[in-house]
Amino acid sequence: MFAVIKTGGKQYRVSKDDVFAVEKILGEAGETVVFDHVLMLGAEVGAPRIDGAQVTGTVVRQFRDDTVIIFKKRRRKHYRRRNGHRQYLTLVKITDMGKGIAAAPAVAAASTSPVAKKATKKAAA
């Protein structure tokens, strides 16, 4: 069985024991994360998501991706800009998926994007 989940603004097709990298989510190595934005579970398709469906995973490690070079140039204008970017990523191993699974105390898969940080600060205040 497989599921399609959404995290970090991207969609991933996952199945049990898959290991994949997503945009950084909070959690140390060994912690459990819960993805509750499930778009598809087996043959069931959500509109836009399936109520009560969860995918749980374990954080394997936090790391940074390889450098991506951004080079901008306008010809004949003496304009060149070179910049680099290294994205923060989290390696996650899927442990369980389904409807109404008993999730142990886990961290909800919250992105660490600036927009998400502002929303959590506002909610805490």
Protein backbone atom coordinates (compact mmCIF):
# COMPACT_ATOMS: atom_id res chain seq x y z
CA MET A 1 0.00 0.00 0.00
CA PHE A 2 1.17 3.53 -0.67
CA ALA A 3 0.16 7.05 0.31
CA VAL A 4 0.63 10.51 -1.14
CA ILE A 5 1.50 13.08 1.52
CA LYS A 6 2.12 16.80 1.36
CA THR A 7 4.84 18.50 3.38
CA GLY A 8 7.05 21.49 2.75
CA GLY A 9 4.93 22.56 -0.23
CA LYS A 10 5.70 19.34 -2.11
CA GLN A 11 3.92 16.03 -2.55
CA TYR A 12 5.59 12.66 -1.99
CA ARG A 13 4.46 9.12 -2.87
CA VAL A 14 5.55 6.93 0.05
CA SER A 15 5.11 3.37 1.23
CA LYS A 16 6.18 1.52 4.37
CA ASP A 17 9.97 1.44 5.02
CA ASP A 18 10.69 4.17 2.44
CA VAL A 19 13.52 6.55 3.32
CA PHE A 20 13.36 9.98 1.70
CA ALA A 21 14.47 13.57 2.22
CA VAL A 22 11.98 16.40 2.84
CA GLU A 23 12.39 20.07 3.64
CA LYS A 24 13.50 20.49 7.22
CA ILE A 25 10.96 19.53 9.87
CA LEU A 26 11.46 19.88 13.59
CA GLY A 27 12.79 16.85 15.44
CA GLU A 28 15.99 15.14 16.43
CA ALA A 29 17.25 11.80 15.11
CA GLY A 30 15.08 8.96 16.39
CA GLU A 31 11.97 11.06 17.05
CA THR A 32 8.62 10.19 15.51
CA VAL A 33 6.88 12.60 13.12
CA VAL A 34 3.28 12.45 11.94
CA PHE A 35 2.21 13.58 8.48
CA ASP A 36 -1.54 14.22 8.67
CA HIS A 37 -1.94 15.96 5.32
CA VAL A 38 -2.61 12.73 3.39
CA LEU A 39 -3.92 13.28 -0.15
CA MET A 40 -4.22 9.62 -1.17
CA LEU A 41 -4.15 6.33 0.73
CA GLY A 42 -4.13 3.20 -1.42
CA ALA A 43 -7.07 3.51 -3.82
CA GLU A 44 -8.85 6.17 -1.73
CA VAL A 45 -8.44 9.70 -3.02
CA GLY A 46 -9.13 12.67 -0.77
CA ALA A 47 -10.88 15.86 -1.72
CA PRO A 48 -8.45 17.54 -1.02
CA ARG A 49 -7.28 15.27 1.81
CA ILE A 50 -8.46 12.16 3.65
CA ASP A 51 -9.95 12.76 7.10
CA GLY A 52 -8.38 10.69 9.87
CA ALA A 53 -5.54 9.33 7.74
CA GLN A 54 -2.00 9.58 9.06
CA VAL A 55 1.46 8.58 7.96
CA THR A 56 4.06 8.20 10.70
CA GLY A 57 7.79 8.20 10.26
CA THR A 58 11.03 8.36 12.17
CA VAL A 59 13.64 11.07 11.71
CA VAL A 60 16.87 9.43 10.57
CA ARG A 61 19.01 12.58 10.48
CA GLN A 62 19.10 16.31 9.76
CA PHE A 63 21.46 17.47 7.02
CA ARG A 64 22.10 20.04 4.32
CA ASP A 65 21.85 19.39 0.59
CA ASP A 66 24.62 20.02 -1.93
CA THR A 67 25.26 23.57 -3.04
CA VAL A 68 23.13 24.84 -5.91
CA ILE A 69 24.72 27.71 -7.86
CA ILE A 70 22.45 30.54 -8.96
CA PHE A 71 24.05 32.53 -11.79
CA LYS A 72 22.36 35.55 -13.33
CA LYS A 73 23.70 37.34 -16.39
CA ARG A 74 22.49 39.99 -18.77
CA ARG A 75 24.55 39.98 -21.91
CA ARG A 76 26.38 43.12 -22.98
CA LYS A 77 25.34 44.92 -19.76
CA HIS A 78 28.31 44.02 -17.55
CA TYR A 79 25.88 42.36 -15.11
CA ARG A 80 26.82 39.06 -13.48
CA ARG A 81 25.67 37.73 -10.13
CA ARG A 82 26.78 34.43 -8.64
CA ASN A 83 25.14 33.06 -5.53
CA GLY A 84 24.88 29.69 -3.83
CA HIS A 85 22.22 27.95 -1.73
CA ARG A 86 22.26 24.88 0.54
CA GLN A 87 18.83 23.66 1.59
CA TYR A 88 18.24 22.20 5.07
CA LEU A 89 16.73 18.71 4.74
CA THR A 90 15.44 15.95 7.01
CA LEU A 91 15.82 12.27 6.21
CA VAL A 92 12.65 10.39 7.22
CA LYS A 93 11.86 6.66 7.30
CA ILE A 94 8.15 5.76 7.02
CA THR A 95 7.05 3.35 9.76
CA ASP A 96 3.25 3.17 9.52
CA MET A 97 0.28 4.52 7.59
CA GLY A 98 -3.47 4.22 7.71
CA LYS A 99 -6.69 5.57 9.15
CA GLY A 100 -7.08 5.85 12.90
CA ILE A 101 -3.64 4.49 13.73
CA ALA A 102 -2.57 4.98 17.33
CA ALA A 103 0.10 7.62 17.08
CA ALA A 104 2.54 7.63 19.99
CA PRO A 105 3.59 10.99 21.38
CA ALA A 106 4.99 12.51 18.23
CA VAL A 107 5.94 15.78 16.67
CA ALA A 108 3.55 17.05 14.01
CA ALA A 109 5.42 17.54 10.76
CA ALA A 110 5.68 21.31 10.83
CA SER A 111 7.87 23.04 8.32
CA THR A 112 10.48 25.51 9.54
CA SER A 113 9.80 28.03 6.81
CA PRO A 114 9.65 31.72 7.82
CA VAL A 115 5.90 31.78 7.20
CA ALA A 116 5.37 28.81 9.53
CA LYS A 117 7.58 30.40 12.19
CA LYS A 118 5.51 33.61 12.10
CA ALA A 119 2.28 31.62 12.40
CA THR A 120 3.56 29.75 15.45
CA LYS A 121 4.73 32.96 17.10
CA LYS A 122 1.31 34.53 16.57
CA ALA A 123 -0.45 31.43 17.91
CA ALA A 124 1.78 31.39 21.01
CA ALA A 125 1.16 35.06 21.75
